[in-house]
Protein backbone atom coordinates (compact mmCIF):
# COMPACT_ATOMS: atom_id res chain seq x y z
CA MET A 1 -72.33 28.96 -59.20
CA ALA A 2 -68.97 30.75 -59.01
CA ASP A 3 -67.67 28.66 -61.91
CA GLN A 4 -70.75 29.51 -63.98
CA ALA A 5 -70.39 33.21 -63.18
CA ASN A 6 -66.79 33.08 -64.39
CA ASP A 7 -67.76 31.10 -67.49
CA ILE A 8 -70.37 33.66 -68.58
CA GLN A 9 -67.65 35.95 -69.92
CA TYR A 10 -66.72 33.29 -72.46
CA TRP A 11 -70.34 32.88 -73.56
CA VAL A 12 -70.45 36.64 -74.08
CA ALA A 13 -67.14 36.55 -75.94
CA PHE A 14 -68.29 33.78 -78.28
CA ASN A 15 -71.41 35.84 -78.99
CA ARG A 16 -69.09 38.41 -80.60
CA ILE A 17 -67.95 35.89 -83.21
CA PRO A 18 -70.02 35.75 -86.43
CA GLY A 19 -71.72 32.44 -87.12
CA ILE A 20 -71.80 31.15 -83.53
CA GLY A 21 -75.47 30.53 -82.79
CA ARG A 22 -77.68 28.03 -80.99
CA ALA A 23 -76.41 24.90 -82.74
CA ARG A 24 -72.71 25.70 -82.37
CA TYR A 25 -73.05 26.80 -78.76
CA SER A 26 -74.67 23.41 -78.12
CA LEU A 27 -71.75 21.60 -79.73
CA LEU A 28 -69.20 23.59 -77.74
CA GLU A 29 -71.04 23.16 -74.45
CA LYS A 30 -71.52 19.43 -74.97
CA HIS A 31 -67.90 18.78 -75.93
CA PHE A 32 -66.02 21.15 -73.62
CA GLY A 33 -68.43 21.51 -70.70
CA ARG A 34 -67.16 24.96 -69.77
CA LEU A 35 -66.83 27.47 -72.60
CA GLU A 36 -63.60 28.70 -71.04
CA ASN A 37 -62.07 25.46 -72.31
CA ALA A 38 -63.51 26.06 -75.77
CA TRP A 39 -62.09 29.60 -75.80
CA THR A 40 -58.53 28.28 -75.54
CA ALA A 41 -59.04 25.21 -77.74
CA THR A 42 -56.90 24.47 -80.78
CA PRO A 43 -58.43 24.28 -84.26
CA ALA A 44 -58.22 20.48 -84.08
CA GLU A 45 -60.05 20.45 -80.72
CA LEU A 46 -62.74 22.75 -82.11
CA ARG A 47 -63.24 20.46 -85.09
CA ALA A 48 -63.42 17.48 -82.73
CA ALA A 49 -66.33 19.26 -81.04
CA GLY A 50 -68.23 19.10 -84.32
CA LEU A 51 -67.45 22.53 -85.79
CA ASP A 52 -66.66 22.78 -89.47
CA GLU A 53 -63.21 23.92 -90.56
CA LYS A 54 -64.36 27.40 -91.58
CA THR A 55 -66.04 28.09 -88.21
CA ALA A 56 -63.03 26.77 -86.29
CA ALA A 57 -60.75 29.04 -88.33
CA THR A 58 -63.05 32.03 -87.69
CA ILE A 59 -62.92 31.45 -83.94
CA VAL A 60 -59.14 31.21 -83.93
CA ALA A 61 -58.86 34.39 -86.02
CA GLN A 62 -61.33 36.40 -83.91
CA ARG A 63 -60.22 35.41 -80.39
CA PRO A 64 -57.19 37.73 -80.23
CA LYS A 65 -59.48 40.70 -80.97
CA ILE A 66 -61.90 39.92 -78.10
CA SER A 67 -61.27 40.21 -74.37
CA PRO A 68 -63.84 38.30 -72.27
CA GLU A 69 -62.95 40.41 -69.23
CA ALA A 70 -63.35 43.65 -71.17
CA GLU A 71 -66.73 42.47 -72.48
CA MET A 72 -68.00 42.00 -68.93
CA GLU A 73 -66.63 45.38 -67.86
CA ARG A 74 -68.45 47.03 -70.73
CA LEU A 75 -71.71 45.32 -69.80
CA ALA A 76 -71.32 46.51 -66.21
CA ARG A 77 -70.62 50.05 -67.40
CA TYR A 78 -73.96 50.15 -69.25
CA GLY A 79 -75.90 48.33 -66.52
CA VAL A 80 -76.52 45.32 -68.77
CA GLN A 81 -76.81 41.78 -67.47
CA ALA A 82 -75.94 38.74 -69.60
CA ILE A 83 -78.05 35.62 -68.97
CA ILE A 84 -77.10 32.31 -70.55
CA TRP A 85 -79.62 29.61 -71.40
CA ASN A 86 -78.75 27.30 -68.49
CA ASP A 87 -79.00 30.11 -65.93
CA PRO A 88 -82.01 29.82 -63.56
CA ALA A 89 -82.74 33.48 -64.35
CA TYR A 90 -83.25 32.71 -68.06
CA PRO A 91 -86.95 33.23 -68.95
CA PRO A 92 -88.58 29.77 -68.71
CA ARG A 93 -91.00 30.39 -71.54
CA LEU A 94 -88.19 31.39 -73.88
CA LYS A 95 -86.49 28.06 -73.17
CA GLU A 96 -89.43 26.34 -74.89
CA ILE A 97 -88.59 27.64 -78.36
CA TYR A 98 -86.36 25.82 -80.84
CA ASP A 99 -84.10 28.74 -81.77
CA LEU A 100 -83.57 30.11 -78.26
CA PRO A 101 -80.76 32.67 -77.90
CA PRO A 102 -77.75 31.23 -76.02
CA VAL A 103 -77.05 34.66 -74.51
CA LEU A 104 -79.75 37.15 -73.57
CA TYR A 105 -78.82 40.71 -72.67
CA LEU A 106 -81.01 42.52 -70.15
CA ARG A 107 -81.46 46.08 -68.90
CA GLY A 108 -84.07 46.38 -66.20
CA GLU A 109 -85.63 43.38 -64.55
CA LEU A 110 -87.52 40.26 -65.54
CA THR A 111 -89.85 38.92 -62.84
CA GLU A 112 -92.04 35.89 -62.28
CA ALA A 113 -95.00 38.08 -63.21
CA ASP A 114 -93.64 38.17 -66.78
CA GLU A 115 -94.63 34.51 -67.19
CA TRP A 116 -98.04 36.02 -67.99
CA ALA A 117 -97.24 38.01 -71.12
CA LEU A 118 -98.84 39.02 -74.42
CA ALA A 119 -96.90 40.26 -77.44
CA VAL A 120 -98.55 43.14 -79.29
CA VAL A 121 -97.39 43.77 -82.84
CA GLY A 122 -98.50 45.73 -85.86
CA THR A 123 -97.71 48.28 -88.50
CA ARG A 124 -95.39 51.25 -88.08
CA ARG A 125 -98.03 53.37 -89.84
CA PRO A 126 -101.27 52.71 -87.98
CA THR A 127 -104.58 54.28 -88.90
CA PRO A 128 -106.40 56.31 -86.22
CA TYR A 129 -108.54 53.21 -85.66
CA GLY A 130 -105.45 51.03 -85.20
CA ARG A 131 -103.93 53.46 -82.72
CA GLN A 132 -107.13 53.53 -80.69
CA VAL A 133 -107.51 49.76 -80.64
CA ALA A 134 -103.85 49.12 -79.75
CA GLU A 135 -103.94 51.62 -76.91
CA HIS A 136 -107.24 50.31 -75.56
CA LEU A 137 -106.37 46.59 -75.68
CA ALA A 138 -102.80 46.97 -74.38
CA ALA A 139 -103.99 49.10 -71.47
CA ASP A 140 -106.76 46.67 -70.58
CA VAL A 141 -104.44 43.65 -70.75
CA ALA A 142 -101.74 45.37 -68.68
CA ALA A 143 -104.33 46.42 -66.10
CA GLN A 144 -104.95 42.69 -65.53
CA ARG A 145 -101.25 42.35 -64.55
CA VAL A 146 -100.33 40.74 -67.86
CA THR A 147 -96.99 41.97 -69.23
CA ILE A 148 -97.02 43.60 -72.67
CA VAL A 149 -94.15 42.54 -74.95
CA SER A 150 -93.31 44.47 -78.11
CA GLY A 151 -90.40 45.76 -80.17
CA LEU A 152 -90.11 49.51 -79.40
CA ALA A 153 -90.70 50.29 -83.08
CA ARG A 154 -92.68 53.23 -84.34
CA GLY A 155 -96.43 52.73 -84.56
CA ILE A 156 -98.26 49.90 -82.82
CA ASP A 157 -95.20 48.79 -80.79
CA SER A 158 -94.63 52.13 -79.08
CA ILE A 159 -98.37 52.65 -78.58
CA ALA A 160 -98.61 49.30 -76.78
CA HIS A 161 -95.59 50.02 -74.56
CA ARG A 162 -96.91 53.46 -73.64
CA ALA A 163 -100.41 52.15 -72.88
CA ALA A 164 -98.98 49.46 -70.59
CA LEU A 165 -96.90 52.00 -68.68
CA ASP A 166 -99.74 54.52 -68.40
CA SER A 167 -102.02 51.84 -66.96
CA GLY A 168 -99.46 50.97 -64.29
CA GLY A 169 -98.45 47.67 -65.90
CA ARG A 170 -95.21 46.02 -66.92
CA THR A 171 -93.78 45.94 -70.41
CA ILE A 172 -90.77 44.37 -72.15
CA ALA A 173 -89.12 45.76 -75.28
CA VAL A 174 -87.16 43.32 -77.47
CA MET A 175 -84.48 45.17 -79.40
CA ALA A 176 -82.87 44.41 -82.76
CA CYS A 177 -79.59 46.06 -81.70
CA GLY A 178 -77.24 46.29 -78.73
CA LEU A 179 -78.78 47.58 -75.51
CA ASP A 180 -76.45 50.59 -75.50
CA ILE A 181 -78.38 51.84 -78.54
CA VAL A 182 -81.99 52.99 -78.77
CA TYR A 183 -83.71 52.62 -82.11
CA PRO A 184 -85.59 54.58 -83.23
CA PRO A 185 -83.74 57.37 -81.36
CA GLU A 186 -86.92 59.34 -80.65
CA HIS A 187 -87.95 56.52 -78.29
CA LEU A 188 -85.09 57.19 -75.86
CA LYS A 189 -87.39 58.45 -73.09
CA LEU A 190 -89.79 55.55 -73.64
CA ALA A 191 -86.91 53.07 -73.45
CA GLN A 192 -85.75 54.60 -70.16
CA GLU A 193 -89.23 54.23 -68.69
CA ILE A 194 -89.46 50.62 -69.87
CA ARG A 195 -86.09 49.86 -68.27
CA GLU A 196 -87.30 51.33 -64.96
CA ARG A 197 -90.65 49.53 -64.97
CA GLY A 198 -89.96 46.43 -67.02
CA ALA A 199 -87.06 45.35 -69.19
CA LEU A 200 -85.14 45.91 -72.41
CA VAL A 201 -83.82 42.65 -73.88
CA SER A 202 -81.75 41.66 -76.90
CA ASP A 203 -79.57 38.81 -78.09
CA TYR A 204 -77.21 41.21 -79.88
CA PRO A 205 -73.92 42.32 -78.26
CA LEU A 206 -73.38 45.91 -77.17
CA GLY A 207 -72.50 48.20 -80.02
CA THR A 208 -74.53 46.24 -82.58
CA GLN A 209 -76.30 48.71 -84.87
CA PRO A 210 -79.81 47.83 -86.09
CA GLN A 211 -79.97 46.27 -89.54
CA GLY A 212 -82.99 45.27 -91.59
CA HIS A 213 -82.50 41.51 -91.27
CA TYR A 214 -82.11 41.74 -87.48
CA PHE A 215 -85.75 42.70 -86.95
CA PRO A 216 -87.32 39.43 -88.19
CA ARG A 217 -84.75 37.51 -86.08
CA ARG A 218 -85.64 39.36 -82.89
CA ASN A 219 -89.34 38.60 -83.43
CA ARG A 220 -88.80 35.00 -82.31
CA ILE A 221 -87.89 36.35 -78.87
CA MET A 222 -91.01 38.53 -78.70
CA SER A 223 -93.29 35.58 -79.36
CA GLY A 224 -91.10 33.22 -77.32
CA LEU A 225 -91.48 35.34 -74.18
CA SER A 226 -95.27 35.41 -74.55
CA LEU A 227 -98.30 33.19 -74.19
CA GLY A 228 -99.73 34.64 -77.37
CA VAL A 229 -99.32 37.32 -80.03
CA LEU A 230 -101.88 40.00 -80.87
CA MET A 231 -101.65 41.66 -84.27
CA VAL A 232 -103.55 44.95 -84.47
CA GLU A 233 -102.86 46.24 -87.99
CA GLY A 234 -100.49 45.35 -90.81
CA ASP A 235 -100.36 44.73 -94.53
CA LEU A 236 -99.57 41.37 -96.11
CA LYS A 237 -95.83 42.09 -96.07
CA SER A 238 -95.83 43.38 -92.51
CA GLY A 239 -93.10 42.22 -90.13
CA ALA A 240 -95.89 41.60 -87.64
CA LEU A 241 -97.00 38.67 -89.80
CA ILE A 242 -93.56 37.15 -89.31
CA THR A 243 -94.03 37.35 -85.55
CA ALA A 244 -97.45 35.70 -85.86
CA SER A 245 -95.97 32.92 -87.99
CA LEU A 246 -93.22 32.34 -85.42
CA ALA A 247 -95.84 32.25 -82.67
CA LEU A 248 -97.64 29.40 -84.44
CA GLU A 249 -94.36 27.49 -84.81
CA GLN A 250 -93.74 27.99 -81.07
CA ASN A 251 -97.21 26.71 -80.15
CA ARG A 252 -98.38 30.16 -79.04
CA GLU A 253 -101.87 31.53 -79.52
CA VAL A 254 -102.40 34.10 -82.28
CA PHE A 255 -104.96 36.90 -82.12
CA ALA A 256 -105.95 39.47 -84.73
CA VAL A 257 -108.08 42.60 -84.71
CA PRO A 258 -110.46 42.94 -87.67
CA GLY A 259 -110.53 46.23 -89.55
CA SER A 260 -112.00 47.88 -92.58
CA VAL A 261 -112.10 45.81 -95.75
CA PHE A 262 -111.07 48.99 -97.57
CA SER A 263 -107.87 49.45 -95.52
CA ALA A 264 -104.55 47.98 -96.68
CA GLN A 265 -103.50 47.91 -93.04
CA SER A 266 -106.17 45.30 -92.32
CA ARG A 267 -105.09 42.84 -94.99
CA GLY A 268 -102.60 41.11 -92.72
CA THR A 269 -104.95 40.73 -89.78
CA HIS A 270 -107.76 39.50 -92.03
CA ARG A 271 -105.39 36.92 -93.54
CA LEU A 272 -104.57 35.67 -90.04
CA ILE A 273 -108.26 35.40 -89.16
CA GLN A 274 -108.92 33.46 -92.36
CA GLU A 275 -106.12 31.08 -91.36
CA GLY A 276 -107.52 30.47 -87.89
CA ALA A 277 -106.31 33.28 -85.63
CA LYS A 278 -108.80 34.27 -82.94
CA LEU A 279 -110.76 37.38 -83.86
CA VAL A 280 -110.50 39.95 -81.07
CA GLN A 281 -113.27 42.41 -80.30
CA ASN A 282 -112.40 43.11 -76.66
CA VAL A 283 -109.89 42.21 -73.97
CA GLN A 284 -112.00 39.30 -72.71
CA ASP A 285 -111.47 37.49 -76.03
CA ILE A 286 -107.75 37.41 -75.22
CA LEU A 287 -107.91 36.75 -71.49
CA GLU A 288 -110.36 33.87 -71.79
CA GLU A 289 -108.42 32.15 -74.58
CA LEU A 290 -105.18 32.32 -72.57
CA ASN A 291 -106.80 31.49 -69.22
CA LEU A 292 -105.74 34.91 -67.92
CA THR A 293 -109.03 36.12 -66.48
CA MET A 294 -107.74 35.68 -62.91
CA VAL A 295 -104.04 36.58 -63.15
CA PRO A 296 -103.92 38.67 -59.93
CA GLN A 297 -105.52 35.84 -57.99
CA GLN A 298 -103.23 33.28 -59.66
CA MET A 299 -100.17 35.30 -58.63
CA GLU A 300 -101.37 35.43 -55.04
CA MET A 301 -102.16 31.72 -54.99
CA LYS A 302 -98.71 30.82 -56.33
CA GLU A 303 -97.13 32.90 -53.57
CA LEU A 304 -99.36 31.88 -50.67
CA VAL A 305 -100.42 28.29 -51.27
CA PRO A 306 -97.72 25.59 -51.53
CA ALA A 307 -98.16 22.73 -53.97
CA SER A 308 -99.53 19.61 -52.30
CA ASP A 309 -98.90 15.94 -53.04
CA THR A 310 -102.53 15.66 -54.13
CA GLU A 311 -102.14 18.45 -56.69
CA ALA A 312 -98.95 16.92 -58.04
CA LEU A 313 -100.64 13.53 -58.33
CA LEU A 314 -103.61 14.94 -60.22
CA LEU A 315 -101.41 16.86 -62.64
CA ARG A 316 -99.72 13.62 -63.65
CA HIS A 317 -103.10 12.51 -65.01
CA ILE A 318 -104.04 15.79 -66.73
CA SER A 319 -102.61 16.70 -70.13
CA THR A 320 -103.42 19.17 -72.89
CA GLU A 321 -106.29 16.88 -73.93
CA PRO A 322 -109.54 17.39 -71.98
CA ILE A 323 -110.20 14.78 -69.29
CA HIS A 324 -113.39 14.44 -67.23
CA ILE A 325 -113.21 14.71 -63.45
CA ASP A 326 -114.53 11.16 -63.08
CA GLU A 327 -111.63 9.83 -65.15
CA VAL A 328 -109.16 11.86 -63.06
CA ARG A 329 -110.68 10.31 -59.93
CA ARG A 330 -110.44 6.81 -61.39
CA ARG A 331 -106.82 7.18 -62.46
CA SER A 332 -105.68 8.86 -59.25
CA GLY A 333 -107.58 6.56 -56.92
CA LEU A 334 -108.56 9.51 -54.72
CA PRO A 335 -112.02 10.31 -53.33
CA ILE A 336 -114.10 12.54 -55.57
CA ALA A 337 -114.26 15.25 -52.87
CA ALA A 338 -110.46 15.44 -52.70
CA VAL A 339 -110.19 15.52 -56.49
CA SER A 340 -112.80 18.26 -56.82
CA SER A 341 -111.18 20.41 -54.12
CA ALA A 342 -107.66 20.03 -55.56
CA LEU A 343 -108.83 20.80 -59.12
CA ALA A 344 -110.51 23.98 -57.88
CA MET A 345 -107.23 25.04 -56.26
CA LEU A 346 -105.22 24.22 -59.40
CA GLU A 347 -107.63 26.29 -61.47
CA LEU A 348 -107.18 29.25 -59.12
CA LYS A 349 -103.43 28.91 -59.54
CA GLY A 350 -103.81 28.94 -63.31
CA LEU A 351 -102.32 25.45 -63.64
CA VAL A 352 -105.43 23.82 -65.11
CA ARG A 353 -108.55 25.15 -66.76
CA GLN A 354 -112.00 23.81 -67.53
CA MET A 355 -112.78 22.87 -71.10
CA GLY A 356 -116.47 22.12 -71.01
CA PRO A 357 -118.55 20.71 -68.14
CA MET A 358 -116.26 19.05 -65.54
CA SER A 359 -113.44 18.45 -68.04
CA TYR A 360 -109.95 19.83 -67.48
CA VAL A 361 -106.73 20.51 -69.41
CA ARG A 362 -103.31 21.44 -68.13
CA THR A 363 -101.78 24.84 -68.89
CA ARG A 364 -98.15 25.40 -69.88
CA GLU A 365 -97.11 26.52 -66.38
CA ALA A 366 -98.02 23.23 -64.76
CA GLY A 367 -95.14 21.23 -66.20
CA ALA A 368 -92.56 23.81 -65.11
CA VAL A 369 -93.93 24.07 -61.59
CA TYR A 370 -94.34 20.38 -60.91
CA GLY A 371 -91.68 18.93 -63.17
CA THR A 372 -94.18 16.70 -64.98
């Protein structure tokens, strides 16, 4: 662990170099093992790792301008933590996405409770109806101990963050800039509250100013941290639609709130509904679809009840395709009473859910918990 802690500074340093993203980090890590070795590599060694000549030349040119030690000191000065993708503290759900950020910057705290999260997105210019719906749904979801994820932007984002905080819940803001900057600046107080009762995250180094093309990029993190994405309002060119599209690519659920057919701000949500997003009328529509109706109980069960060999055995026979309890019993070879009891416990833990009479599917958490 000491070696990894020392190596983090080189991950952070490489993140300062333009053009070094997921694919090139993978090449460097695979070839050099420790990124400290890559930091001192010659151009020929960098090319041997699979980097093209231009990228190798860029690294060699940029290294003298970057001090890994100074980068870590600056992070410490701002109270920012850097988490790399092979760190146990890296959000497990974010590891599932294709374009995961190699380095994630954090102010505040991420907890196990954030495994249950919903991203709320929408227009920066909501109608009074949109404001009311966003506030109501975000508050109700947060009250069920589900973390609200959004982007701290004006409009629906800030409404969702504020509603989560006011209801006593947790919220995460994903930034399109360095974490030493708050954008928009009028959300400074809101950002401070989020940091104290949730987290601010970004994959951009400190000092990075927000730019237009950064916002669509950060949306992959918003959806990646979440079980699903709820779009409240937005036109057909809304950035929220980009987040919804990314959610589908990441195998996340997509929800949309219907609005007036006369409102331009409902065109985006209506398009999503036409394309198969779940229409949301109340919080139960979201909680039931994501198997989040018993999150407080599931948290308690995860903490208090250890996994048993029987549960692990049953999960090996349950996939994302519904399977009847009789078939689970046949495959496992266990008595029906033992199977029934274990399935009830797994459902309480949120690791399986019923899909029709006596048929079960596995949720995303099960694989991570049991290594199946």
